[in-house]
């Protein structure tokens, strides 16, 4: 899910605080995992994805090849060509580095967070698939707040939110609308819900700057 601050800027007014609060649809995400070949795979090694086993060897599903890259290519091809009991609910692609297999679930949702295991003694390493989540409606707030002299004296800028966010992005612009490369620390705070920018960096928000926040909850 992606939100760009510029999509909301046209509705902002030239006031100290402007808020847009809305609801957006998060389409969910597919699970993803990585199988890495750091050397030629062992003969007879088995990689299992969500209970589907891929055996190396002439009587199995893939061949280890002469090196790590060949093993990755062969395993990915075997995964994508697998038609046992219908095709598995995942697909594979070889990484740009050429020695890893990226496995992605075909559908969004937590069901795509599959367990990946291997019998390899070390040439092949794996991680479980992760990041899969179901579709959900999320609240979105886009806020533009002018930094005051009092904010500067307090050494922090607090930007109230109409809900408790789970993620956010923040930019600070100067009075001419140019983005400043601040190094301050921004965090989510509750009671009350807000984003707090603490002036503890080498470059901090100054009076008349504008803090622009997009928060998602």
N, C-alpha and C. Protein backbone atom coordinates (compact mmCIF):
# COMPACT_ATOMS: atom_id res chain seq x y z
N UNK A 1 0.85 -1.18 0.00
CA UNK A 1 0.00 0.00 0.00
C UNK A 1 0.89 1.23 0.00
N UNK A 2 0.60 2.18 -0.87
CA UNK A 2 1.44 3.35 -1.00
C UNK A 2 0.61 4.62 -0.98
N UNK A 3 1.03 5.58 -0.18
CA UNK A 3 0.39 6.88 -0.13
C UNK A 3 1.44 7.94 -0.37
N UNK A 4 1.17 8.90 -1.25
CA UNK A 4 2.10 9.97 -1.53
C UNK A 4 1.54 11.28 -1.00
N UNK A 5 2.39 12.01 -0.28
CA UNK A 5 1.94 13.24 0.33
C UNK A 5 1.41 14.21 -0.70
N UNK A 6 2.00 14.24 -1.90
CA UNK A 6 1.58 15.21 -2.90
C UNK A 6 0.12 15.00 -3.32
N UNK A 7 -0.40 13.77 -3.13
CA UNK A 7 -1.79 13.50 -3.48
C UNK A 7 -2.75 14.29 -2.59
N UNK A 8 -2.28 14.69 -1.40
CA UNK A 8 -3.16 15.37 -0.46
C UNK A 8 -2.90 16.87 -0.39
N UNK A 9 -1.73 17.33 -0.85
CA UNK A 9 -1.36 18.73 -0.69
C UNK A 9 -2.36 19.71 -1.31
N UNK A 10 -3.00 19.43 -2.45
CA UNK A 10 -3.90 20.42 -3.04
C UNK A 10 -5.06 20.85 -2.13
N UNK A 11 -5.44 20.01 -1.15
CA UNK A 11 -6.57 20.39 -0.31
C UNK A 11 -6.13 21.15 0.94
N UNK A 12 -4.80 21.19 1.18
CA UNK A 12 -4.33 21.88 2.36
C UNK A 12 -4.51 23.40 2.21
N UNK A 13 -4.86 24.04 3.28
CA UNK A 13 -5.02 25.49 3.28
C UNK A 13 -3.81 26.13 3.95
N UNK A 14 -3.67 27.41 3.79
CA UNK A 14 -2.55 28.12 4.38
C UNK A 14 -2.86 28.49 5.82
N UNK A 15 -2.93 27.47 6.67
CA UNK A 15 -3.20 27.65 8.08
C UNK A 15 -2.14 26.89 8.86
N UNK A 16 -2.16 27.05 10.20
CA UNK A 16 -1.14 26.37 10.98
C UNK A 16 -1.32 24.86 10.96
N UNK A 17 -2.57 24.38 11.04
CA UNK A 17 -2.83 22.94 11.03
C UNK A 17 -3.95 22.63 10.04
N UNK A 18 -3.69 21.71 9.13
CA UNK A 18 -4.71 21.24 8.20
C UNK A 18 -4.71 19.71 8.26
N UNK A 19 -5.88 19.11 8.28
CA UNK A 19 -5.99 17.67 8.44
C UNK A 19 -6.96 17.09 7.41
N UNK A 20 -6.55 16.02 6.78
CA UNK A 20 -7.46 15.20 5.99
C UNK A 20 -7.48 13.82 6.61
N UNK A 21 -8.63 13.35 7.06
CA UNK A 21 -8.77 12.02 7.63
C UNK A 21 -9.75 11.24 6.77
N UNK A 22 -9.34 10.06 6.33
CA UNK A 22 -10.17 9.29 5.43
C UNK A 22 -9.95 7.80 5.68
N UNK A 23 -10.62 6.98 4.89
CA UNK A 23 -10.46 5.52 4.96
C UNK A 23 -9.98 5.04 3.59
N UNK A 24 -8.98 4.18 3.59
CA UNK A 24 -8.44 3.63 2.35
C UNK A 24 -8.44 2.11 2.44
N UNK A 25 -8.47 1.47 1.28
CA UNK A 25 -8.48 0.01 1.23
C UNK A 25 -7.06 -0.51 1.04
N UNK A 26 -6.62 -1.30 1.99
CA UNK A 26 -5.32 -1.98 1.90
C UNK A 26 -5.58 -3.35 1.27
N UNK A 27 -5.06 -3.62 0.07
CA UNK A 27 -5.37 -4.87 -0.61
C UNK A 27 -4.70 -6.10 -0.01
N UNK A 28 -3.93 -5.91 1.05
CA UNK A 28 -3.23 -7.04 1.64
C UNK A 28 -1.90 -7.29 0.96
N UNK A 29 -1.21 -8.35 1.37
CA UNK A 29 0.10 -8.65 0.80
C UNK A 29 0.32 -10.15 0.75
N UNK A 30 1.19 -10.55 -0.16
CA UNK A 30 1.55 -11.96 -0.30
C UNK A 30 2.77 -12.27 0.55
N UNK A 31 2.83 -13.49 1.06
CA UNK A 31 4.00 -13.92 1.80
C UNK A 31 5.20 -14.09 0.89
N UNK A 32 6.40 -13.92 1.43
CA UNK A 32 7.62 -14.07 0.65
C UNK A 32 8.70 -14.71 1.51
N UNK A 33 9.53 -15.51 0.91
CA UNK A 33 10.64 -16.15 1.61
C UNK A 33 11.83 -16.31 0.69
N UNK A 34 13.00 -16.61 1.27
CA UNK A 34 14.24 -16.72 0.49
C UNK A 34 14.93 -18.04 0.78
N UNK A 35 15.34 -18.71 -0.30
CA UNK A 35 16.16 -19.91 -0.21
C UNK A 35 17.51 -19.55 -0.82
N UNK A 36 18.56 -19.60 -0.03
CA UNK A 36 19.87 -19.13 -0.50
C UNK A 36 20.84 -20.30 -0.66
N UNK A 37 21.50 -20.30 -1.81
CA UNK A 37 22.59 -21.25 -2.07
C UNK A 37 23.90 -20.52 -1.85
N UNK A 38 24.63 -20.86 -0.80
CA UNK A 38 25.94 -20.25 -0.59
C UNK A 38 27.06 -21.14 -1.08
N UNK A 39 26.68 -22.29 -1.63
CA UNK A 39 27.63 -23.22 -2.24
C UNK A 39 26.81 -24.22 -3.07
N UNK A 40 27.48 -25.09 -3.75
CA UNK A 40 26.77 -26.14 -4.49
C UNK A 40 25.93 -26.95 -3.50
N UNK A 41 24.66 -27.16 -3.82
CA UNK A 41 23.79 -27.93 -2.93
C UNK A 41 24.25 -29.37 -2.80
N UNK A 42 23.97 -29.96 -1.64
CA UNK A 42 24.36 -31.35 -1.41
C UNK A 42 23.50 -32.31 -2.23
N UNK A 43 24.09 -33.40 -2.63
CA UNK A 43 23.34 -34.44 -3.33
C UNK A 43 22.23 -34.96 -2.42
N UNK A 44 21.02 -35.07 -2.96
CA UNK A 44 19.90 -35.60 -2.20
C UNK A 44 19.28 -34.60 -1.23
N UNK A 45 19.69 -33.34 -1.29
CA UNK A 45 19.13 -32.33 -0.39
C UNK A 45 17.64 -32.14 -0.69
N UNK A 46 16.87 -31.91 0.36
CA UNK A 46 15.43 -31.68 0.21
C UNK A 46 15.09 -30.29 0.71
N UNK A 47 14.36 -29.55 -0.09
CA UNK A 47 13.82 -28.27 0.32
C UNK A 47 12.30 -28.43 0.36
N UNK A 48 11.70 -28.11 1.48
CA UNK A 48 10.25 -28.28 1.64
C UNK A 48 9.60 -26.93 1.87
N UNK A 49 8.59 -26.62 1.07
CA UNK A 49 7.89 -25.34 1.16
C UNK A 49 6.42 -25.62 1.45
N UNK A 50 5.96 -25.24 2.61
CA UNK A 50 4.56 -25.45 2.95
C UNK A 50 4.14 -26.91 2.82
N UNK A 51 5.02 -27.82 3.17
CA UNK A 51 4.71 -29.24 3.10
C UNK A 51 4.97 -29.88 1.75
N UNK A 52 5.36 -29.10 0.74
CA UNK A 52 5.66 -29.63 -0.60
C UNK A 52 7.18 -29.82 -0.69
N UNK A 53 7.63 -31.06 -0.87
CA UNK A 53 9.05 -31.39 -0.84
C UNK A 53 9.65 -31.39 -2.25
N UNK A 54 10.86 -30.84 -2.35
CA UNK A 54 11.62 -30.83 -3.60
C UNK A 54 12.95 -31.53 -3.35
N UNK A 55 13.06 -32.75 -3.89
CA UNK A 55 14.23 -33.60 -3.69
C UNK A 55 15.23 -33.38 -4.81
N UNK A 56 16.50 -33.20 -4.42
CA UNK A 56 17.56 -33.09 -5.43
C UNK A 56 17.95 -34.48 -5.92
N UNK A 57 18.16 -34.62 -7.23
CA UNK A 57 18.63 -35.88 -7.78
C UNK A 57 17.86 -36.29 -9.01
N UNK A 58 18.40 -37.27 -9.71
CA UNK A 58 17.80 -37.72 -10.96
C UNK A 58 16.38 -38.24 -10.77
N UNK A 59 16.08 -38.77 -9.59
CA UNK A 59 14.73 -39.29 -9.32
C UNK A 59 13.89 -38.27 -8.55
N UNK A 60 14.43 -37.08 -8.36
CA UNK A 60 13.71 -36.05 -7.62
C UNK A 60 13.16 -34.98 -8.54
N UNK A 61 13.07 -33.78 -8.02
CA UNK A 61 12.45 -32.69 -8.77
C UNK A 61 13.45 -31.68 -9.34
N UNK A 62 14.68 -31.67 -8.82
CA UNK A 62 15.66 -30.70 -9.31
C UNK A 62 17.08 -31.25 -9.18
N UNK A 63 18.00 -30.64 -9.91
CA UNK A 63 19.42 -31.05 -9.88
C UNK A 63 20.26 -29.91 -9.31
N UNK A 64 21.25 -30.27 -8.52
CA UNK A 64 22.05 -29.25 -7.84
C UNK A 64 22.98 -28.49 -8.77
N UNK A 65 23.29 -29.04 -9.93
CA UNK A 65 24.17 -28.35 -10.86
C UNK A 65 25.60 -28.30 -10.37
N UNK A 66 26.44 -27.52 -11.06
CA UNK A 66 27.86 -27.48 -10.76
C UNK A 66 28.22 -26.44 -9.71
N UNK A 67 27.30 -25.54 -9.40
CA UNK A 67 27.61 -24.46 -8.44
C UNK A 67 26.32 -23.92 -7.83
N UNK A 68 26.47 -22.93 -6.97
CA UNK A 68 25.32 -22.36 -6.27
C UNK A 68 24.30 -21.77 -7.24
N UNK A 69 24.78 -21.03 -8.23
CA UNK A 69 23.87 -20.40 -9.17
C UNK A 69 23.05 -21.40 -9.95
N UNK A 70 23.68 -22.48 -10.38
CA UNK A 70 22.97 -23.51 -11.14
C UNK A 70 21.90 -24.17 -10.28
N UNK A 71 22.24 -24.41 -9.01
CA UNK A 71 21.25 -25.01 -8.11
C UNK A 71 20.04 -24.11 -7.92
N UNK A 72 20.28 -22.80 -7.76
CA UNK A 72 19.18 -21.86 -7.59
C UNK A 72 18.28 -21.84 -8.82
N UNK A 73 18.88 -21.79 -10.00
CA UNK A 73 18.11 -21.77 -11.24
C UNK A 73 17.28 -23.04 -11.38
N UNK A 74 17.89 -24.18 -11.09
CA UNK A 74 17.19 -25.45 -11.25
C UNK A 74 16.05 -25.62 -10.24
N UNK A 75 16.28 -25.18 -9.00
CA UNK A 75 15.22 -25.30 -8.00
C UNK A 75 14.05 -24.38 -8.35
N UNK A 76 14.35 -23.16 -8.76
CA UNK A 76 13.27 -22.23 -9.13
C UNK A 76 12.45 -22.79 -10.29
N UNK A 77 13.14 -23.35 -11.27
CA UNK A 77 12.43 -23.93 -12.41
C UNK A 77 11.55 -25.09 -11.98
N UNK A 78 12.05 -25.90 -11.06
CA UNK A 78 11.27 -27.05 -10.58
C UNK A 78 10.02 -26.59 -9.83
N UNK A 79 10.15 -25.55 -9.03
CA UNK A 79 9.01 -25.02 -8.29
C UNK A 79 7.94 -24.52 -9.25
N UNK A 80 8.36 -23.77 -10.26
CA UNK A 80 7.40 -23.18 -11.19
C UNK A 80 6.77 -24.21 -12.13
N UNK A 81 7.45 -25.33 -12.34
CA UNK A 81 6.93 -26.36 -13.25
C UNK A 81 6.16 -27.45 -12.51
N UNK A 82 6.08 -27.35 -11.19
CA UNK A 82 5.47 -28.41 -10.37
C UNK A 82 3.96 -28.47 -10.62
N UNK A 83 3.49 -29.64 -11.02
CA UNK A 83 2.05 -29.84 -11.25
C UNK A 83 1.50 -30.97 -10.39
N UNK A 84 2.26 -31.39 -9.39
CA UNK A 84 1.79 -32.45 -8.52
C UNK A 84 0.55 -31.97 -7.74
N UNK A 85 -0.50 -32.72 -7.84
CA UNK A 85 -1.76 -32.39 -7.14
C UNK A 85 -2.19 -30.96 -7.42
N UNK A 86 -2.03 -30.57 -8.68
CA UNK A 86 -2.29 -29.17 -9.02
C UNK A 86 -1.07 -28.35 -8.66
N UNK A 87 -0.95 -27.17 -9.18
CA UNK A 87 0.24 -26.37 -8.91
C UNK A 87 0.21 -25.85 -7.47
N UNK A 88 1.37 -25.82 -6.78
CA UNK A 88 1.44 -25.29 -5.41
C UNK A 88 1.05 -23.82 -5.38
N UNK A 89 0.62 -23.32 -4.23
CA UNK A 89 0.17 -21.93 -4.13
C UNK A 89 1.31 -20.93 -3.98
N UNK A 90 2.41 -21.15 -4.69
CA UNK A 90 3.53 -20.22 -4.63
C UNK A 90 4.32 -20.31 -5.93
N UNK A 91 5.15 -19.30 -6.16
CA UNK A 91 5.98 -19.25 -7.36
C UNK A 91 7.38 -18.83 -6.95
N UNK A 92 8.34 -19.01 -7.87
CA UNK A 92 9.73 -18.72 -7.54
C UNK A 92 10.41 -17.94 -8.64
N UNK A 93 11.40 -17.15 -8.25
CA UNK A 93 12.24 -16.42 -9.20
C UNK A 93 13.64 -16.36 -8.61
N UNK A 94 14.65 -16.38 -9.47
CA UNK A 94 16.03 -16.30 -9.02
C UNK A 94 16.40 -14.84 -8.77
N UNK A 95 17.12 -14.60 -7.70
CA UNK A 95 17.52 -13.24 -7.34
C UNK A 95 18.48 -12.66 -8.37
N UNK A 96 18.63 -11.33 -8.32
CA UNK A 96 19.55 -10.66 -9.25
C UNK A 96 20.98 -11.14 -9.04
N UNK A 97 21.31 -11.53 -7.79
CA UNK A 97 22.64 -12.04 -7.51
C UNK A 97 22.89 -13.42 -8.09
N UNK A 98 21.81 -14.12 -8.44
CA UNK A 98 21.94 -15.39 -9.13
C UNK A 98 22.07 -16.62 -8.27
N UNK A 99 22.10 -16.47 -6.94
CA UNK A 99 22.30 -17.66 -6.09
C UNK A 99 21.20 -17.85 -5.05
N UNK A 100 20.13 -17.06 -5.14
CA UNK A 100 19.02 -17.21 -4.20
C UNK A 100 17.71 -17.39 -4.96
N UNK A 101 16.78 -18.10 -4.33
CA UNK A 101 15.45 -18.31 -4.89
C UNK A 101 14.46 -17.53 -4.04
N UNK A 102 13.75 -16.60 -4.66
CA UNK A 102 12.73 -15.82 -3.97
C UNK A 102 11.39 -16.52 -4.19
N UNK A 103 10.74 -16.92 -3.12
CA UNK A 103 9.46 -17.63 -3.21
C UNK A 103 8.34 -16.70 -2.75
N UNK A 104 7.32 -16.54 -3.58
CA UNK A 104 6.19 -15.68 -3.23
C UNK A 104 4.89 -16.46 -3.29
N UNK A 105 4.01 -16.17 -2.34
CA UNK A 105 2.68 -16.79 -2.36
C UNK A 105 1.88 -16.21 -3.52
N UNK A 106 0.99 -17.00 -4.08
CA UNK A 106 0.19 -16.53 -5.21
C UNK A 106 -1.01 -15.72 -4.77
N UNK A 107 -1.40 -15.83 -3.49
CA UNK A 107 -2.55 -15.09 -3.00
C UNK A 107 -2.17 -14.28 -1.77
N UNK A 108 -2.88 -13.19 -1.56
CA UNK A 108 -2.64 -12.39 -0.36
C UNK A 108 -3.22 -13.11 0.85
N UNK A 109 -2.75 -12.74 2.03
CA UNK A 109 -3.28 -13.32 3.26
C UNK A 109 -2.21 -14.02 4.06
N UNK A 110 -2.53 -14.30 5.32
CA UNK A 110 -1.58 -14.96 6.20
C UNK A 110 -1.36 -16.42 5.82
N UNK A 111 -2.26 -16.98 5.01
CA UNK A 111 -2.07 -18.35 4.54
C UNK A 111 -0.84 -18.51 3.69
N UNK A 112 -0.30 -17.40 3.18
CA UNK A 112 0.92 -17.46 2.38
C UNK A 112 2.19 -17.43 3.19
N UNK A 113 2.09 -17.34 4.51
CA UNK A 113 3.27 -17.35 5.37
C UNK A 113 3.67 -18.79 5.67
N UNK A 114 4.18 -19.46 4.65
CA UNK A 114 4.47 -20.89 4.73
C UNK A 114 5.83 -21.17 5.39
N UNK A 115 5.93 -22.35 5.95
CA UNK A 115 7.18 -22.80 6.56
C UNK A 115 8.07 -23.40 5.48
N UNK A 116 9.35 -22.99 5.46
CA UNK A 116 10.33 -23.55 4.52
C UNK A 116 11.42 -24.22 5.33
N UNK A 117 11.74 -25.46 4.99
CA UNK A 117 12.80 -26.20 5.67
C UNK A 117 13.72 -26.83 4.64
N UNK A 118 14.89 -27.27 5.09
CA UNK A 118 15.82 -27.97 4.21
C UNK A 118 16.62 -28.99 5.02
N UNK A 119 17.01 -30.06 4.35
CA UNK A 119 17.88 -31.06 4.98
C UNK A 119 19.34 -30.74 4.74
N UNK A 120 19.65 -29.66 4.03
CA UNK A 120 21.02 -29.28 3.73
C UNK A 120 21.82 -29.07 5.01
N UNK A 121 23.06 -29.46 4.98
CA UNK A 121 23.94 -29.30 6.13
C UNK A 121 24.52 -27.90 6.22
N UNK A 122 24.27 -27.06 5.23
CA UNK A 122 24.79 -25.70 5.28
C UNK A 122 24.91 -25.01 3.94
N UNK A 123 24.95 -25.77 2.85
CA UNK A 123 25.07 -25.16 1.54
C UNK A 123 23.82 -24.39 1.15
N UNK A 124 22.68 -24.83 1.67
CA UNK A 124 21.40 -24.18 1.40
C UNK A 124 20.82 -23.70 2.72
N UNK A 125 20.49 -22.42 2.80
CA UNK A 125 19.83 -21.88 3.98
C UNK A 125 18.47 -21.32 3.57
N UNK A 126 17.54 -21.32 4.51
CA UNK A 126 16.17 -20.91 4.18
C UNK A 126 15.61 -20.01 5.28
N UNK A 127 14.54 -19.30 4.95
CA UNK A 127 13.75 -18.59 5.94
C UNK A 127 12.28 -18.85 5.64
N UNK A 128 11.46 -18.82 6.68
CA UNK A 128 10.03 -19.01 6.48
C UNK A 128 9.44 -17.84 5.69
N UNK A 129 8.41 -18.11 4.92
CA UNK A 129 7.72 -17.05 4.21
C UNK A 129 7.02 -16.15 5.23
N UNK A 130 6.99 -14.88 4.96
CA UNK A 130 6.49 -13.92 5.93
C UNK A 130 5.91 -12.71 5.19
N UNK A 131 5.21 -11.86 5.93
CA UNK A 131 4.69 -10.62 5.37
C UNK A 131 3.30 -10.73 4.77
N UNK A 132 2.75 -11.95 4.66
CA UNK A 132 1.41 -12.10 4.10
C UNK A 132 0.37 -11.54 5.06
N UNK A 133 -0.54 -10.77 4.54
CA UNK A 133 -1.61 -10.21 5.38
C UNK A 133 -2.88 -10.07 4.56
N UNK A 134 -4.01 -10.12 5.25
CA UNK A 134 -5.32 -10.07 4.60
C UNK A 134 -5.69 -8.63 4.23
N UNK A 135 -6.57 -8.47 3.25
CA UNK A 135 -7.08 -7.12 2.92
C UNK A 135 -7.81 -6.53 4.11
N UNK A 136 -7.74 -5.21 4.24
CA UNK A 136 -8.39 -4.55 5.35
C UNK A 136 -8.58 -3.06 5.03
N UNK A 137 -9.60 -2.48 5.59
CA UNK A 137 -9.80 -1.03 5.47
C UNK A 137 -8.94 -0.35 6.53
N UNK A 138 -8.23 0.68 6.13
CA UNK A 138 -7.36 1.40 7.06
C UNK A 138 -7.70 2.89 7.08
N UNK A 139 -7.49 3.50 8.22
CA UNK A 139 -7.66 4.93 8.33
C UNK A 139 -6.39 5.64 7.88
N UNK A 140 -6.57 6.74 7.21
CA UNK A 140 -5.44 7.51 6.69
C UNK A 140 -5.65 8.97 7.07
N UNK A 141 -4.61 9.60 7.57
CA UNK A 141 -4.66 11.03 7.87
C UNK A 141 -3.47 11.71 7.22
N UNK A 142 -3.71 12.79 6.52
CA UNK A 142 -2.66 13.63 5.95
C UNK A 142 -2.73 14.97 6.65
N UNK A 143 -1.65 15.37 7.30
CA UNK A 143 -1.65 16.56 8.15
C UNK A 143 -0.47 17.45 7.78
N UNK A 144 -0.75 18.75 7.76
CA UNK A 144 0.29 19.75 7.51
C UNK A 144 0.23 20.75 8.67
N UNK A 145 1.32 20.86 9.39
CA UNK A 145 1.34 21.72 10.58
C UNK A 145 2.57 22.62 10.55
N UNK A 146 2.36 23.92 10.76
CA UNK A 146 3.46 24.87 10.78
C UNK A 146 4.17 24.84 12.13
N UNK A 147 5.48 24.80 12.10
CA UNK A 147 6.29 24.80 13.31
C UNK A 147 6.34 26.23 13.85
N UNK A 148 6.10 26.38 15.15
CA UNK A 148 6.10 27.70 15.79
C UNK A 148 7.38 27.93 16.58
N UNK A 149 7.54 29.17 17.02
CA UNK A 149 8.69 29.50 17.86
C UNK A 149 8.64 28.73 19.18
N UNK A 150 7.41 28.52 19.70
CA UNK A 150 7.27 27.76 20.95
C UNK A 150 7.67 26.31 20.75
N UNK A 151 7.34 25.73 19.58
CA UNK A 151 7.78 24.37 19.29
C UNK A 151 9.31 24.30 19.34
N UNK A 152 9.95 25.30 18.75
CA UNK A 152 11.41 25.32 18.74
C UNK A 152 11.98 25.42 20.15
N UNK A 153 11.33 26.25 20.99
CA UNK A 153 11.79 26.37 22.38
C UNK A 153 11.60 25.06 23.14
N UNK A 154 10.52 24.34 22.84
CA UNK A 154 10.25 23.06 23.51
C UNK A 154 11.16 21.96 22.98
N UNK A 155 11.83 22.23 21.86
CA UNK A 155 12.73 21.27 21.21
C UNK A 155 11.99 20.02 20.74
N UNK A 156 10.69 20.18 20.43
CA UNK A 156 9.93 19.09 19.83
C UNK A 156 8.67 19.64 19.18
N UNK A 157 8.22 18.94 18.16
CA UNK A 157 7.00 19.29 17.45
C UNK A 157 6.03 18.13 17.61
N UNK A 158 4.82 18.41 18.10
CA UNK A 158 3.81 17.38 18.28
C UNK A 158 2.67 17.60 17.29
N UNK A 159 2.36 16.56 16.54
CA UNK A 159 1.34 16.64 15.50
C UNK A 159 0.21 15.70 15.88
N UNK A 160 -0.92 16.22 16.38
CA UNK A 160 -2.03 15.38 16.83
C UNK A 160 -2.64 14.58 15.69
N UNK A 161 -3.15 13.40 16.02
CA UNK A 161 -3.79 12.51 15.05
C UNK A 161 -5.15 12.08 15.56
N UNK A 162 -6.10 11.84 14.66
CA UNK A 162 -7.44 11.43 15.08
C UNK A 162 -7.57 9.94 15.39
N UNK A 163 -6.46 9.19 15.32
CA UNK A 163 -6.47 7.76 15.63
C UNK A 163 -5.04 7.35 15.96
N UNK A 164 -4.89 6.12 16.47
CA UNK A 164 -3.57 5.58 16.77
C UNK A 164 -2.98 4.97 15.51
N UNK A 165 -1.90 5.51 14.99
CA UNK A 165 -1.34 4.99 13.74
C UNK A 165 -0.47 3.76 13.96
N UNK A 166 -0.30 3.00 12.89
CA UNK A 166 0.63 1.87 12.91
C UNK A 166 1.87 2.17 12.09
N UNK A 167 1.78 3.15 11.21
CA UNK A 167 2.93 3.57 10.42
C UNK A 167 2.72 5.01 9.97
N UNK A 168 3.79 5.66 9.57
CA UNK A 168 3.68 7.05 9.13
C UNK A 168 4.91 7.44 8.33
N UNK A 169 4.78 8.52 7.60
CA UNK A 169 5.92 9.16 6.96
C UNK A 169 5.84 10.65 7.26
N UNK A 170 6.98 11.31 7.31
CA UNK A 170 7.00 12.73 7.65
C UNK A 170 8.05 13.45 6.81
N UNK A 171 7.71 14.64 6.38
CA UNK A 171 8.64 15.53 5.70
C UNK A 171 8.56 16.90 6.36
N UNK A 172 9.67 17.60 6.36
CA UNK A 172 9.68 18.97 6.85
C UNK A 172 10.11 19.88 5.71
N UNK A 173 9.31 20.90 5.45
CA UNK A 173 9.56 21.83 4.36
C UNK A 173 9.85 23.21 4.93
N UNK A 174 10.67 23.98 4.21
CA UNK A 174 10.89 25.36 4.64
C UNK A 174 9.74 26.24 4.18
N UNK A 175 9.81 27.53 4.46
CA UNK A 175 8.70 28.43 4.15
C UNK A 175 8.43 28.54 2.66
N UNK A 176 9.39 28.13 1.85
CA UNK A 176 9.22 28.17 0.39
C UNK A 176 8.77 26.84 -0.19
N UNK A 177 8.50 25.86 0.68
CA UNK A 177 8.03 24.56 0.22
C UNK A 177 9.12 23.60 -0.20
N UNK A 178 10.37 23.93 0.13
CA UNK A 178 11.49 23.05 -0.21
C UNK A 178 11.71 22.06 0.93
N UNK A 179 11.82 20.77 0.59
CA UNK A 179 12.02 19.74 1.62
C UNK A 179 13.38 19.90 2.28
N UNK A 180 13.39 19.88 3.60
CA UNK A 180 14.63 19.98 4.37
C UNK A 180 15.09 18.58 4.78
N UNK A 181 16.39 18.36 4.77
CA UNK A 181 16.96 17.07 5.17
C UNK A 181 17.22 17.09 6.67
N UNK A 182 16.16 17.00 7.46
CA UNK A 182 16.32 17.03 8.91
C UNK A 182 16.80 15.67 9.42
N UNK A 183 17.45 15.69 10.57
CA UNK A 183 17.94 14.45 11.19
C UNK A 183 17.30 14.21 12.55
N UNK A 184 16.19 14.91 12.82
CA UNK A 184 15.47 14.72 14.08
C UNK A 184 14.83 13.34 14.14
N UNK A 185 14.46 12.94 15.34
CA UNK A 185 13.82 11.63 15.55
C UNK A 185 12.31 11.81 15.64
N UNK A 186 11.56 11.07 14.81
CA UNK A 186 10.10 11.12 14.81
C UNK A 186 9.54 9.77 15.27
N UNK A 187 8.60 9.80 16.20
CA UNK A 187 8.04 8.57 16.76
C UNK A 187 6.53 8.69 16.93
N UNK A 188 5.88 7.52 17.01
CA UNK A 188 4.44 7.46 17.30
C UNK A 188 4.25 7.54 18.81
N UNK A 189 3.32 8.40 19.23
CA UNK A 189 2.99 8.55 20.65
C UNK A 189 1.49 8.36 20.83
N UNK A 190 1.11 7.90 22.01
CA UNK A 190 -0.31 7.75 22.34
C UNK A 190 -0.62 8.52 23.62
N UNK A 191 -1.95 8.66 23.89
CA UNK A 191 -2.43 9.36 25.10
C UNK A 191 -1.85 10.77 25.23
N UNK A 192 -2.11 11.66 24.29
CA UNK A 192 -2.96 11.51 23.11
C UNK A 192 -2.19 10.99 21.89
N UNK A 193 -2.97 10.56 20.88
CA UNK A 193 -2.36 10.06 19.65
C UNK A 193 -1.69 11.21 18.90
N UNK A 194 -0.43 11.00 18.51
CA UNK A 194 0.30 12.05 17.82
C UNK A 194 1.62 11.51 17.27
N UNK A 195 2.20 12.29 16.36
CA UNK A 195 3.57 12.07 15.93
C UNK A 195 4.43 13.11 16.63
N UNK A 196 5.50 12.69 17.26
CA UNK A 196 6.38 13.63 17.95
C UNK A 196 7.73 13.67 17.24
N UNK A 197 8.13 14.87 16.86
CA UNK A 197 9.45 15.08 16.26
C UNK A 197 10.32 15.73 17.32
N UNK A 198 11.34 15.03 17.77
CA UNK A 198 12.24 15.54 18.82
C UNK A 198 13.46 16.14 18.16
N UNK A 199 13.77 17.37 18.55
CA UNK A 199 14.91 18.08 17.97
C UNK A 199 16.23 17.61 18.59
N UNK A 200 16.61 16.39 18.26
CA UNK A 200 17.85 15.84 18.81
C UNK A 200 18.86 15.51 17.72
N UNK A 201 18.65 16.04 16.53
CA UNK A 201 19.56 15.77 15.43
C UNK A 201 20.45 16.97 15.14
N UNK A 202 21.29 16.81 14.12
CA UNK A 202 22.17 17.91 13.73
C UNK A 202 21.40 18.99 12.98
N UNK A 203 20.31 18.58 12.30
CA UNK A 203 19.45 19.52 11.58
C UNK A 203 18.01 19.28 12.01
N UNK A 204 17.37 20.29 12.59
CA UNK A 204 16.05 20.13 13.19
C UNK A 204 15.04 21.11 12.58
N UNK A 205 13.73 20.84 12.75
CA UNK A 205 12.71 21.77 12.28
C UNK A 205 12.86 23.12 12.97
N UNK A 206 12.64 24.17 12.23
CA UNK A 206 12.73 25.53 12.77
C UNK A 206 11.39 26.22 12.62
N UNK A 207 11.21 27.31 13.35
CA UNK A 207 9.98 28.09 13.27
C UNK A 207 9.73 28.51 11.82
N UNK A 208 8.47 28.45 11.42
CA UNK A 208 7.94 28.72 10.07
C UNK A 208 8.12 27.53 9.12
N UNK A 209 8.88 26.50 9.52
CA UNK A 209 8.91 25.29 8.72
C UNK A 209 7.53 24.62 8.78
N UNK A 210 7.26 23.72 7.86
CA UNK A 210 5.98 23.00 7.82
C UNK A 210 6.26 21.50 7.92
N UNK A 211 5.67 20.84 8.91
CA UNK A 211 5.78 19.38 9.04
C UNK A 211 4.58 18.75 8.34
N UNK A 212 4.84 17.91 7.36
CA UNK A 212 3.78 17.23 6.62
C UNK A 212 3.83 15.74 6.93
N UNK A 213 2.73 15.22 7.44
CA UNK A 213 2.69 13.83 7.90
C UNK A 213 1.57 13.07 7.19
N UNK A 214 1.85 11.84 6.79
CA UNK A 214 0.82 10.90 6.36
C UNK A 214 0.87 9.73 7.34
N UNK A 215 -0.22 9.50 8.05
CA UNK A 215 -0.29 8.43 9.06
C UNK A 215 -1.34 7.40 8.64
N UNK A 216 -1.04 6.14 8.91
CA UNK A 216 -1.92 5.03 8.55
C UNK A 216 -2.19 4.20 9.79
N UNK A 217 -3.46 3.85 10.00
CA UNK A 217 -3.79 3.07 11.18
C UNK A 217 -4.81 2.00 10.89
